[in-house]
Amino acid sequence: MPENNKKIANAGLRLLIMLKELFQRPLSARELLYFIEEQTDNVYRKEVINKYLNTLKILGINLEKNKNRYSIKRNIETIEYDKMDLSLILFIQKYAANLHHEHLKENILEALQLIEKSYSPRTLALLSSKKIRTYLPQAPVVIKDENIKKFEKYCAEKLKLEIVYKENPEAKEQSFKIAPVKLSYKNGIAFLTGYCYYSNSYKLFLLENIIDAKQTPQLSMINSTGAVTFRLTGRLAHSYVLKEGDIVIQHETDSIIVSNSIEDKDLLLKRLIRYYDACEILYPTVMREKMLNLINEMENLYA
């Protein structure tokens, strides 16, 4: 698929995810941003959310804003789709049904169900005419996620893994003993984050480059202790002094990603809140939500 088409498809998915959440509960722009980042495992600017909100308005979806939170004002009733639109929707449904990544599959299908409730009478009549054929792309779409379920299972079971990995076709095979932490997706490509016991650091493995993986009977203590991962940006990223339990997972241009599995969670949260917008908790979700609630309470108190 051409790169531009990939970007459009990914943006469409994020828009569907946002629409689904707004149907269920009011959310602020910051909450929408965090939610989309959590679902897609990427980082976006606040302007992206504003663009998506404007797109929903253009589609005829009435949004209501109350105390900085957006919600769907009323049910969608009059969205018109032509044959090509419905053909693409059928293609997306079939594509999603074949995904092994259950969470992503559920998100897409639930979002499509919400859209179906918005069909106008003319669109419903067109759909029931059975004249709509599933869109066929010029190049066949191959879903390369046979290993997704297997590695999701490994992460859930929290046992140590012994893997054989090849960085690229020309590289030599390497052996690692890791604690599987989570699967993530970048531009539709699956990666495994694992704590390497040889280097005592977190590593990112391209899933399709893992040649072999075997579970050991040993429980992974990295997973069982529930590490908190957070990103520090700007000046703080350059001046930050590691505290007890801190491990730098990744260095970026103007930020660092740190993991801490030792410090008391409440004390860690109180420490991170002091950094305000220079700090973002990446996971677990419960810690993100706690920090978000504290920030909202502070903003309401001092606004």
C-alpha atoms as a PDB file:
ATOM      1  CA  MET A   1       0.000   0.000   0.000  1.00  0.00           C
ATOM      2  CA  PRO A   2       1.432   3.452  -0.907  1.00  0.00           C
ATOM      3  CA  GLU A   3       2.725   5.472   2.060  1.00  0.00           C
ATOM      4  CA  ASN A   4       0.123   8.231   1.596  1.00  0.00           C
ATOM      5  CA  ASN A   5      -2.712   5.670   1.627  1.00  0.00           C
ATOM      6  CA  LYS A   6      -1.306   4.200   4.872  1.00  0.00           C
ATOM      7  CA  LYS A   7      -1.396   7.625   6.529  1.00  0.00           C
ATOM      8  CA  ILE A   8      -5.009   8.182   5.431  1.00  0.00           C
ATOM      9  CA  ALA A   9      -6.048   4.723   6.680  1.00  0.00           C
ATOM     10  CA  ASN A  10      -4.336   5.237  10.056  1.00  0.00           C
ATOM     11  CA  ALA A  11      -5.944   8.667  10.460  1.00  0.00           C
ATOM     12  CA  GLY A  12      -9.343   7.170   9.636  1.00  0.00           C
ATOM     13  CA  LEU A  13      -8.859   4.500  12.300  1.00  0.00           C
ATOM     14  CA  ARG A  14      -7.968   7.117  14.924  1.00  0.00           C
ATOM     15  CA  LEU A  15     -11.077   9.094  13.966  1.00  0.00           C
ATOM     16  CA  LEU A  16     -13.264   5.984  14.403  1.00  0.00           C
ATOM     17  CA  ILE A  17     -11.716   5.284  17.817  1.00  0.00           C
ATOM     18  CA  MET A  18     -12.398   8.866  18.918  1.00  0.00           C
ATOM     19  CA  LEU A  19     -15.988   8.769  17.643  1.00  0.00           C
ATOM     20  CA  LYS A  20     -16.625   5.541  19.541  1.00  0.00           C
ATOM     21  CA  GLU A  21     -15.397   7.026  22.828  1.00  0.00           C
ATOM     22  CA  LEU A  22     -17.356  10.270  22.430  1.00  0.00           C
ATOM     23  CA  PHE A  23     -20.534   8.221  22.026  1.00  0.00           C
ATOM     24  CA  GLN A  24     -19.902   6.624  25.413  1.00  0.00           C
ATOM     25  CA  ARG A  25     -18.766   9.556  27.597  1.00  0.00           C
ATOM     26  CA  PRO A  26     -17.722  13.221  27.561  1.00  0.00           C
ATOM     27  CA  LEU A  27     -13.959  13.717  27.148  1.00  0.00           C
ATOM     28  CA  SER A  28     -11.602  16.679  27.151  1.00  0.00           C
ATOM     29  CA  ALA A  29      -9.120  17.243  24.305  1.00  0.00           C
ATOM     30  CA  ARG A  30      -6.310  16.086  26.619  1.00  0.00           C
ATOM     31  CA  GLU A  31      -8.211  12.910  27.529  1.00  0.00           C
ATOM     32  CA  LEU A  32      -8.909  12.198  23.845  1.00  0.00           C
ATOM     33  CA  LEU A  33      -5.227  12.648  23.069  1.00  0.00           C
ATOM     34  CA  TYR A  34      -4.137  10.263  25.832  1.00  0.00           C
ATOM     35  CA  PHE A  35      -6.775   7.712  24.819  1.00  0.00           C
ATOM     36  CA  ILE A  36      -5.732   7.678  21.147  1.00  0.00           C
ATOM     37  CA  GLU A  37      -2.058   7.451  22.124  1.00  0.00           C
ATOM     38  CA  GLU A  38      -2.873   4.514  24.389  1.00  0.00           C
ATOM     39  CA  GLN A  39      -4.817   2.723  21.653  1.00  0.00           C
ATOM     40  CA  THR A  40      -2.310   3.314  18.833  1.00  0.00           C
ATOM     41  CA  ASP A  41       0.902   3.348  20.908  1.00  0.00           C
ATOM     42  CA  ASN A  42       2.054   6.582  19.289  1.00  0.00           C
ATOM     43  CA  VAL A  43       2.502  10.176  20.428  1.00  0.00           C
ATOM     44  CA  TYR A  44       0.576  13.042  18.789  1.00  0.00           C
ATOM     45  CA  ARG A  45       0.343  16.813  19.108  1.00  0.00           C
ATOM     46  CA  LYS A  46      -2.766  18.478  20.557  1.00  0.00           C
ATOM     47  CA  GLU A  47      -3.452  20.022  17.134  1.00  0.00           C
ATOM     48  CA  VAL A  48      -4.254  16.537  15.803  1.00  0.00           C
ATOM     49  CA  ILE A  49      -7.245  16.264  18.149  1.00  0.00           C
ATOM     50  CA  ASN A  50      -8.552  19.676  17.059  1.00  0.00           C
ATOM     51  CA  LYS A  51      -8.295  18.563  13.423  1.00  0.00           C
ATOM     52  CA  TYR A  52     -10.257  15.379  14.174  1.00  0.00           C
ATOM     53  CA  LEU A  53     -12.945  17.310  16.054  1.00  0.00           C
ATOM     54  CA  ASN A  54     -13.338  19.637  13.059  1.00  0.00           C
ATOM     55  CA  THR A  55     -13.583  16.606  10.757  1.00  0.00           C
ATOM     56  CA  LEU A  56     -16.458  15.213  12.854  1.00  0.00           C
ATOM     57  CA  LYS A  57     -18.262  18.557  12.579  1.00  0.00           C
ATOM     58  CA  ILE A  58     -17.803  18.543   8.783  1.00  0.00           C
ATOM     59  CA  LEU A  59     -19.370  15.055   8.728  1.00  0.00           C
ATOM     60  CA  GLY A  60     -22.462  16.539  10.346  1.00  0.00           C
ATOM     61  CA  ILE A  61     -21.856  15.215  13.867  1.00  0.00           C
ATOM     62  CA  ASN A  62     -23.007  17.765  16.412  1.00  0.00           C
ATOM     63  CA  LEU A  63     -20.507  18.083  19.233  1.00  0.00           C
ATOM     64  CA  GLU A  64     -21.340  19.752  22.507  1.00  0.00           C
ATOM     65  CA  LYS A  65     -18.647  21.331  24.699  1.00  0.00           C
ATOM     66  CA  ASN A  66     -19.282  21.641  28.427  1.00  0.00           C
ATOM     67  CA  LYS A  67     -16.524  22.513  30.927  1.00  0.00           C
ATOM     68  CA  ASN A  68     -13.782  21.673  28.401  1.00  0.00           C
ATOM     69  CA  ARG A  69     -15.309  18.260  27.655  1.00  0.00           C
ATOM     70  CA  TYR A  70     -16.753  17.203  24.315  1.00  0.00           C
ATOM     71  CA  SER A  71     -19.701  14.877  23.805  1.00  0.00           C
ATOM     72  CA  ILE A  72     -22.107  13.882  21.038  1.00  0.00           C
ATOM     73  CA  LYS A  73     -25.022  16.317  21.245  1.00  0.00           C
ATOM     74  CA  ARG A  74     -27.528  14.043  19.553  1.00  0.00           C
ATOM     75  CA  ASN A  75     -27.658  10.825  17.568  1.00  0.00           C
ATOM     76  CA  ILE A  76     -26.328  10.951  14.023  1.00  0.00           C
ATOM     77  CA  GLU A  77     -29.295  10.652  11.653  1.00  0.00           C
ATOM     78  CA  THR A  78     -28.550  11.836   8.164  1.00  0.00           C
ATOM     79  CA  ILE A  79     -25.161  10.651   6.946  1.00  0.00           C
ATOM     80  CA  GLU A  80     -25.371   9.702   3.263  1.00  0.00           C
ATOM     81  CA  TYR A  81     -23.083   7.068   1.734  1.00  0.00           C
ATOM     82  CA  ASP A  82     -22.773   6.113  -1.923  1.00  0.00           C
ATOM     83  CA  LYS A  83     -21.840   2.739  -3.427  1.00  0.00           C
ATOM     84  CA  MET A  84     -18.089   3.376  -3.187  1.00  0.00           C
ATOM     85  CA  ASP A  85     -18.353   4.427   0.480  1.00  0.00           C
ATOM     86  CA  LEU A  86     -20.281   1.275   1.387  1.00  0.00           C
ATOM     87  CA  SER A  87     -17.887  -0.843  -0.673  1.00  0.00           C
ATOM     88  CA  LEU A  88     -14.941   0.494   1.370  1.00  0.00           C
ATOM     89  CA  ILE A  89     -16.805  -0.088   4.651  1.00  0.00           C
ATOM     90  CA  LEU A  90     -17.404  -3.731   3.674  1.00  0.00           C
ATOM     91  CA  PHE A  91     -13.692  -4.052   2.874  1.00  0.00           C
ATOM     92  CA  ILE A  92     -12.736  -2.642   6.311  1.00  0.00           C
ATOM     93  CA  GLN A  93     -15.161  -5.050   8.021  1.00  0.00           C
ATOM     94  CA  LYS A  94     -13.637  -8.074   6.283  1.00  0.00           C
ATOM     95  CA  TYR A  95     -10.117  -6.813   6.918  1.00  0.00           C
ATOM     96  CA  ALA A  96     -10.825  -6.348  10.649  1.00  0.00           C
ATOM     97  CA  ALA A  97     -12.492  -9.750  10.941  1.00  0.00           C
ATOM     98  CA  ASN A  98      -9.224 -11.413   9.868  1.00  0.00           C
ATOM     99  CA  LEU A  99      -7.032  -9.581  12.372  1.00  0.00           C
ATOM    100  CA  HIS A 100      -5.431 -11.664  15.128  1.00  0.00           C
ATOM    101  CA  HIS A 101      -4.952  -8.589  17.319  1.00  0.00           C
ATOM    102  CA  GLU A 102      -8.218  -8.893  19.261  1.00  0.00           C
ATOM    103  CA  HIS A 103      -8.205  -5.437  20.862  1.00  0.00           C
ATOM    104  CA  LEU A 104      -7.679  -3.673  17.539  1.00  0.00           C
ATOM    105  CA  LYS A 105     -10.313  -5.857  15.870  1.00  0.00           C
ATOM    106  CA  GLU A 106     -12.911  -5.030  18.534  1.00  0.00           C
ATOM    107  CA  ASN A 107     -12.221  -1.295  18.284  1.00  0.00           C
ATOM    108  CA  ILE A 108     -12.672  -1.227  14.500  1.00  0.00           C
ATOM    109  CA  LEU A 109     -15.814  -3.379  14.454  1.00  0.00           C
ATOM    110  CA  GLU A 110     -17.472  -1.479  17.327  1.00  0.00           C
ATOM    111  CA  ALA A 111     -16.743   1.839  15.613  1.00  0.00           C
ATOM    112  CA  LEU A 112     -18.251   0.541  12.359  1.00  0.00           C
ATOM    113  CA  GLN A 113     -21.373  -0.575  14.241  1.00  0.00           C
ATOM    114  CA  LEU A 114     -21.788   2.951  15.575  1.00  0.00           C
ATOM    115  CA  ILE A 115     -21.477   4.346  12.051  1.00  0.00           C
ATOM    116  CA  GLU A 116     -24.110   1.909  10.776  1.00  0.00           C
ATOM    117  CA  LYS A 117     -26.591   3.394  13.259  1.00  0.00           C
ATOM    118  CA  SER A 118     -26.140   6.737  11.493  1.00  0.00           C
ATOM    119  CA  TYR A 119     -27.149   5.542   8.008  1.00  0.00           C
ATOM    120  CA  SER A 120     -29.813   7.648   6.356  1.00  0.00           C
ATOM    121  CA  PRO A 121     -32.936   5.908   4.928  1.00  0.00           C
ATOM    122  CA  ARG A 122     -31.494   6.234   1.412  1.00  0.00           C
ATOM    123  CA  THR A 123     -28.213   4.615   2.521  1.00  0.00           C
ATOM    124  CA  LEU A 124     -30.084   1.763   4.222  1.00  0.00           C
ATOM    125  CA  ALA A 125     -32.100   1.161   1.064  1.00  0.00           C
ATOM    126  CA  LEU A 126     -28.910   1.093  -1.012  1.00  0.00           C
ATOM    127  CA  LEU A 127     -27.319  -1.381   1.394  1.00  0.00           C
ATOM    128  CA  SER A 128     -30.353  -3.676   1.428  1.00  0.00           C
ATOM    129  CA  SER A 129     -30.430  -3.731  -2.388  1.00  0.00           C
ATOM    130  CA  LYS A 130     -27.486  -6.147  -2.258  1.00  0.00           C
ATOM    131  CA  LYS A 131     -25.826  -4.334  -5.141  1.00  0.00           C
ATOM    132  CA  ILE A 132     -22.785  -3.396  -3.036  1.00  0.00           C
ATOM    133  CA  ARG A 133     -19.617  -5.396  -3.645  1.00  0.00           C
ATOM    134  CA  THR A 134     -16.602  -5.377  -1.387  1.00  0.00           C
ATOM    135  CA  TYR A 135     -13.865  -3.012  -2.556  1.00  0.00           C
ATOM    136  CA  LEU A 136     -10.886  -4.786  -4.150  1.00  0.00           C
ATOM    137  CA  PRO A 137      -7.539  -2.942  -3.801  1.00  0.00           C
ATOM    138  CA  GLN A 138      -5.101  -2.974  -6.705  1.00  0.00           C
ATOM    139  CA  ALA A 139      -2.586  -4.995  -4.671  1.00  0.00           C
ATOM    140  CA  PRO A 140      -3.785  -7.769  -2.336  1.00  0.00           C
ATOM    141  CA  VAL A 141      -3.708  -6.888   1.362  1.00  0.00           C
ATOM    142  CA  VAL A 142      -1.750  -9.473   3.348  1.00  0.00           C
ATOM    143  CA  ILE A 143      -2.174  -9.546   7.125  1.00  0.00           C
ATOM    144  CA  LYS A 144       1.172 -10.567   8.583  1.00  0.00           C
ATOM    145  CA  ASP A 145       0.243 -11.065  12.214  1.00  0.00           C
ATOM    146  CA  GLU A 146       0.357 -14.829  12.688  1.00  0.00           C
ATOM    147  CA  ASN A 147       2.567 -14.407  15.764  1.00  0.00           C
ATOM    148  CA  ILE A 148       0.443 -11.700  17.421  1.00  0.00           C
ATOM    149  CA  LYS A 149      -1.739 -14.033  19.478  1.00  0.00           C
ATOM    150  CA  LYS A 150       1.251 -16.129  20.537  1.00  0.00           C
ATOM    151  CA  PHE A 151       3.214 -13.156  21.860  1.00  0.00           C
ATOM    152  CA  GLU A 152       0.157 -11.561  23.473  1.00  0.00           C
ATOM    153  CA  LYS A 153      -0.174 -14.866  25.349  1.00  0.00           C
ATOM    154  CA  TYR A 154       3.506 -14.745  26.342  1.00  0.00           C
ATOM    155  CA  CYS A 155       3.098 -11.215  27.732  1.00  0.00           C
ATOM    156  CA  ALA A 156      -0.012 -12.219  29.683  1.00  0.00           C
ATOM    157  CA  GLU A 157       1.566 -15.344  31.194  1.00  0.00           C
ATOM    158  CA  LYS A 158       4.620 -13.355  32.410  1.00  0.00           C
ATOM    159  CA  LEU A 159       7.155 -16.163  32.036  1.00  0.00           C
ATOM    160  CA  LYS A 160      10.730 -15.530  30.931  1.00  0.00           C
ATOM    161  CA  LEU A 161      11.433 -16.042  27.228  1.00  0.00           C
ATOM    162  CA  GLU A 162      14.503 -17.275  25.399  1.00  0.00           C
ATOM    163  CA  ILE A 163      14.457 -15.816  21.895  1.00  0.00           C
ATOM    164  CA  VAL A 164      16.625 -15.969  18.784  1.00  0.00           C
ATOM    165  CA  TYR A 165      16.657 -12.642  16.972  1.00  0.00           C
ATOM    166  CA  LYS A 166      18.055 -11.358  13.681  1.00  0.00           C
ATOM    167  CA  GLU A 167      18.297  -7.550  13.435  1.00  0.00           C
ATOM    168  CA  ASN A 168      18.196  -7.614   9.619  1.00  0.00           C
ATOM    169  CA  PRO A 169      18.739 -10.170   6.805  1.00  0.00           C
ATOM    170  CA  GLU A 170      22.516  -9.553   6.794  1.00  0.00           C
ATOM    171  CA  ALA A 171      22.953  -9.624  10.596  1.00  0.00           C
ATOM    172  CA  LYS A 172      24.008 -12.636  12.657  1.00  0.00           C
ATOM    173  CA  GLU A 173      21.500 -14.426  14.853  1.00  0.00           C
ATOM    174  CA  GLN A 174      21.543 -13.313  18.506  1.00  0.00           C
ATOM    175  CA  SER A 175      20.148 -15.015  21.601  1.00  0.00           C
ATOM    176  CA  PHE A 176      18.362 -13.084  24.357  1.00  0.00           C
ATOM    177  CA  LYS A 177      16.737 -13.985  27.636  1.00  0.00           C
ATOM    178  CA  ILE A 178      13.930 -11.501  28.237  1.00  0.00           C
ATOM    179  CA  ALA A 179      10.849 -10.667  30.254  1.00  0.00           C
ATOM    180  CA  PRO A 180       8.114  -9.983  27.663  1.00  0.00           C
ATOM    181  CA  VAL A 181       6.412  -6.708  28.612  1.00  0.00           C
ATOM    182  CA  LYS A 182       4.020  -5.612  25.850  1.00  0.00           C
ATOM    183  CA  LEU A 183       3.280  -5.553  22.137  1.00  0.00           C
ATOM    184  CA  SER A 184       3.191  -2.190  20.390  1.00  0.00           C
ATOM    185  CA  TYR A 185       2.462  -1.050  16.850  1.00  0.00           C
ATOM    186  CA  LYS A 186       4.179   1.614  14.761  1.00  0.00           C
ATOM    187  CA  ASN A 187       2.744   2.281  11.295  1.00  0.00           C
ATOM    188  CA  GLY A 188       1.044  -1.111  11.445  1.00  0.00           C
ATOM    189  CA  ILE A 189       4.263  -2.996  12.303  1.00  0.00           C
ATOM    190  CA  ALA A 190       4.338  -5.071  15.497  1.00  0.00           C
ATOM    191  CA  PHE A 191       7.133  -4.763  18.072  1.00  0.00           C
ATOM    192  CA  LEU A 192       7.791  -6.609  21.322  1.00  0.00           C
ATOM    193  CA  THR A 193       9.127  -4.659  24.288  1.00  0.00           C
ATOM    194  CA  GLY A 194      11.166  -6.927  26.541  1.00  0.00           C
ATOM    195  CA  TYR A 195      13.488  -6.551  29.509  1.00  0.00           C
ATOM    196  CA  CYS A 196      16.823  -8.125  28.572  1.00  0.00           C
ATOM    197  CA  TYR A 197      18.529  -9.914  31.467  1.00  0.00           C
ATOM    198  CA  TYR A 198      21.924  -9.851  29.721  1.00  0.00           C
ATOM    199  CA  SER A 199      22.104  -6.037  29.382  1.00  0.00           C
ATOM    200  CA  ASN A 200      19.722  -5.179  32.270  1.00  0.00           C
ATOM    201  CA  SER A 201      17.778  -2.841  29.992  1.00  0.00           C
ATOM    202  CA  TYR A 202      14.565  -2.714  27.985  1.00  0.00           C
ATOM    203  CA  LYS A 203      14.812  -3.548  24.285  1.00  0.00           C
ATOM    204  CA  LEU A 204      12.441  -3.219  21.343  1.00  0.00           C
ATOM    205  CA  PHE A 205      12.286  -6.273  19.046  1.00  0.00           C
ATOM    206  CA  LEU A 206      10.718  -6.249  15.589  1.00  0.00           C
ATOM    207  CA  LEU A 207       8.304  -9.165  15.911  1.00  0.00           C
ATOM    208  CA  GLU A 208       8.835 -10.555  12.404  1.00  0.00           C
ATOM    209  CA  ASN A 209      12.592 -10.733  13.084  1.00  0.00           C
ATOM    210  CA  ILE A 210      12.181 -13.080  16.068  1.00  0.00           C
ATOM    211  CA  ILE A 211      13.185 -16.424  14.581  1.00  0.00           C
ATOM    212  CA  ASP A 212      12.437 -18.598  17.602  1.00  0.00           C
ATOM    213  CA  ALA A 213      10.920 -18.126  21.063  1.00  0.00           C
ATOM    214  CA  LYS A 214      10.689 -20.575  23.964  1.00  0.00           C
ATOM    215  CA  GLN A 215       9.042 -20.047  27.334  1.00  0.00           C
ATOM    216  CA  THR A 216      10.903 -21.020  30.494  1.00  0.00           C
ATOM    217  CA  PRO A 217       9.173 -22.122  33.712  1.00  0.00           C
ATOM    218  CA  GLN A 218      10.596 -19.066  35.511  1.00  0.00           C
ATOM    219  CA  LEU A 219       8.265 -16.189  36.398  1.00  0.00           C
ATOM    220  CA  SER A 220       9.380 -12.775  35.127  1.00  0.00           C
ATOM    221  CA  MET A 221       9.816 -10.468  38.124  1.00  0.00           C
ATOM    222  CA  ILE A 222       9.941  -7.420  35.822  1.00  0.00           C
ATOM    223  CA  ASN A 223       6.326  -8.030  34.818  1.00  0.00           C
ATOM    224  CA  SER A 224       5.074  -9.091  38.233  1.00  0.00           C
ATOM    225  CA  THR A 225       6.251  -5.932  39.997  1.00  0.00           C
ATOM    226  CA  GLY A 226       4.291  -3.638  37.644  1.00  0.00           C
ATOM    227  CA  ALA A 227       6.792  -1.134  36.303  1.00  0.00           C
ATOM    228  CA  VAL A 228       5.676   2.435  35.592  1.00  0.00           C
ATOM    229  CA  THR A 229       6.997   3.905  32.347  1.00  0.00           C
ATOM    230  CA  PHE A 230       7.090   7.654  31.711  1.00  0.00           C
ATOM    231  CA  ARG A 231       8.493  10.149  29.197  1.00  0.00           C
ATOM    232  CA  LEU A 232      10.402  13.292  30.235  1.00  0.00           C
ATOM    233  CA  THR A 233      10.800  16.123  27.704  1.00  0.00           C
ATOM    234  CA  GLY A 234      12.635  19.405  27.166  1.00  0.00           C
ATOM    235  CA  ARG A 235      15.210  20.626  29.666  1.00  0.00           C
ATOM    236  CA  LEU A 236      14.136  18.025  32.207  1.00  0.00           C
ATOM    237  CA  ALA A 237      15.138  15.228  29.831  1.00  0.00           C
ATOM    238  CA  HIS A 238      18.700  16.573  29.749  1.00  0.00           C
ATOM    239  CA  SER A 239      19.028  17.470  33.453  1.00  0.00           C
ATOM    240  CA  TYR A 240      17.112  14.581  35.047  1.00  0.00           C
ATOM    241  CA  VAL A 241      19.048  12.609  37.654  1.00  0.00           C
ATOM    242  CA  LEU A 242      18.026   8.941  37.840  1.00  0.00           C
ATOM    243  CA  LYS A 243      16.366   7.933  41.112  1.00  0.00           C
ATOM    244  CA  GLU A 244      16.420   4.521  42.782  1.00  0.00           C
ATOM    245  CA  GLY A 245      14.762   2.001  40.487  1.00  0.00           C
ATOM    246  CA  ASP A 246      14.900   4.231  37.379  1.00  0.00           C
ATOM    247  CA  ILE A 247      16.021   2.616  34.128  1.00  0.00           C
ATOM    248  CA  VAL A 248      16.317   4.602  30.886  1.00  0.00           C
ATOM    249  CA  ILE A 249      14.583   2.558  28.186  1.00  0.00           C
ATOM    250  CA  GLN A 250      15.064   4.911  25.270  1.00  0.00           C
ATOM    251  CA  HIS A 251      16.867   8.154  24.409  1.00  0.00           C
ATOM    252  CA  GLU A 252      15.092  10.414  21.896  1.00  0.00           C
ATOM    253  CA  THR A 253      16.007  13.789  20.343  1.00  0.00           C
ATOM    254  CA  ASP A 254      14.462  15.913  23.073  1.00  0.00           C
ATOM    255  CA  SER A 255      13.156  13.348  25.537  1.00  0.00           C
ATOM    256  CA  ILE A 256      13.912  10.166  27.458  1.00  0.00           C
ATOM    257  CA  ILE A 257      11.692   7.223  28.379  1.00  0.00           C
ATOM    258  CA  VAL A 258      12.214   5.897  31.911  1.00  0.00           C
ATOM    259  CA  SER A 259      10.864   2.832  33.707  1.00  0.00           C
ATOM    260  CA  ASN A 260      10.650   2.361  37.483  1.00  0.00           C
ATOM    261  CA  SER A 261       9.477  -0.887  39.100  1.00  0.00           C
ATOM    262  CA  ILE A 262      10.724  -0.282  42.663  1.00  0.00           C
ATOM    263  CA  GLU A 263       9.475   3.087  43.955  1.00  0.00           C
ATOM    264  CA  ASP A 264       6.138   3.168  45.795  1.00  0.00           C
ATOM    265  CA  LYS A 265       3.460   4.053  43.218  1.00  0.00           C
ATOM    266  CA  ASP A 266       1.870   6.861  45.258  1.00  0.00           C
ATOM    267  CA  LEU A 267       5.248   8.450  46.028  1.00  0.00           C
ATOM    268  CA  LEU A 268       6.281   8.092  42.389  1.00  0.00           C
ATOM    269  CA  LEU A 269       3.059   9.788  41.243  1.00  0.00           C
ATOM    270  CA  LYS A 270       3.613  12.690  43.663  1.00  0.00           C
ATOM    271  CA  ARG A 271       7.138  13.085  42.297  1.00  0.00           C
ATOM    272  CA  LEU A 272       6.088  12.983  38.649  1.00  0.00           C
ATOM    273  CA  ILE A 273       3.208  15.444  39.085  1.00  0.00           C
ATOM    274  CA  ARG A 274       5.774  18.102  40.026  1.00  0.00           C
ATOM    275  CA  TYR A 275       7.176  17.911  36.487  1.00  0.00           C
ATOM    276  CA  TYR A 276       3.709  18.769  35.073  1.00  0.00           C
ATOM    277  CA  ASP A 277       3.714  19.063  31.245  1.00  0.00           C
ATOM    278  CA  ALA A 278       7.360  17.941  30.999  1.00  0.00           C
ATOM    279  CA  CYS A 279       6.301  14.455  32.109  1.00  0.00           C
ATOM    280  CA  GLU A 280       3.868  11.967  30.605  1.00  0.00           C
ATOM    281  CA  ILE A 281       3.092   8.541  32.061  1.00  0.00           C
ATOM    282  CA  LEU A 282       2.982   6.021  29.191  1.00  0.00           C
ATOM    283  CA  TYR A 283       1.755   2.931  31.076  1.00  0.00           C
ATOM    284  CA  PRO A 284       0.135   1.335  32.980  1.00  0.00           C
ATOM    285  CA  THR A 285      -3.186   2.968  32.104  1.00  0.00           C
ATOM    286  CA  VAL A 286      -4.315   3.231  35.734  1.00  0.00           C
ATOM    287  CA  MET A 287      -1.319   5.438  36.572  1.00  0.00           C
ATOM    288  CA  ARG A 288      -1.970   7.616  33.503  1.00  0.00           C
ATOM    289  CA  GLU A 289      -5.557   8.119  34.622  1.00  0.00           C
ATOM    290  CA  LYS A 290      -4.535   8.961  38.178  1.00  0.00           C
ATOM    291  CA  MET A 291      -2.102  11.592  36.939  1.00  0.00           C
ATOM    292  CA  LEU A 292      -4.687  12.976  34.502  1.00  0.00           C
ATOM    293  CA  ASN A 293      -7.272  13.268  37.293  1.00  0.00           C
ATOM    294  CA  LEU A 294      -4.784  15.090  39.522  1.00  0.00           C
ATOM    295  CA  ILE A 295      -3.934  17.528  36.719  1.00  0.00           C
ATOM    296  CA  ASN A 296      -7.623  18.192  36.043  1.00  0.00           C
ATOM    297  CA  GLU A 297      -8.272  18.800  39.736  1.00  0.00           C
ATOM    298  CA  MET A 298      -5.379  21.266  39.883  1.00  0.00           C
ATOM    299  CA  GLU A 299      -6.570  23.085  36.752  1.00  0.00           C
ATOM    300  CA  ASN A 300     -10.117  23.372  38.129  1.00  0.00           C
ATOM    301  CA  LEU A 301      -8.826  24.538  41.497  1.00  0.00           C
ATOM    302  CA  TYR A 302      -6.528  27.251  40.189  1.00  0.00           C
ATOM    303  CA  ALA A 303      -8.344  28.236  36.980  1.00  0.00           C
END
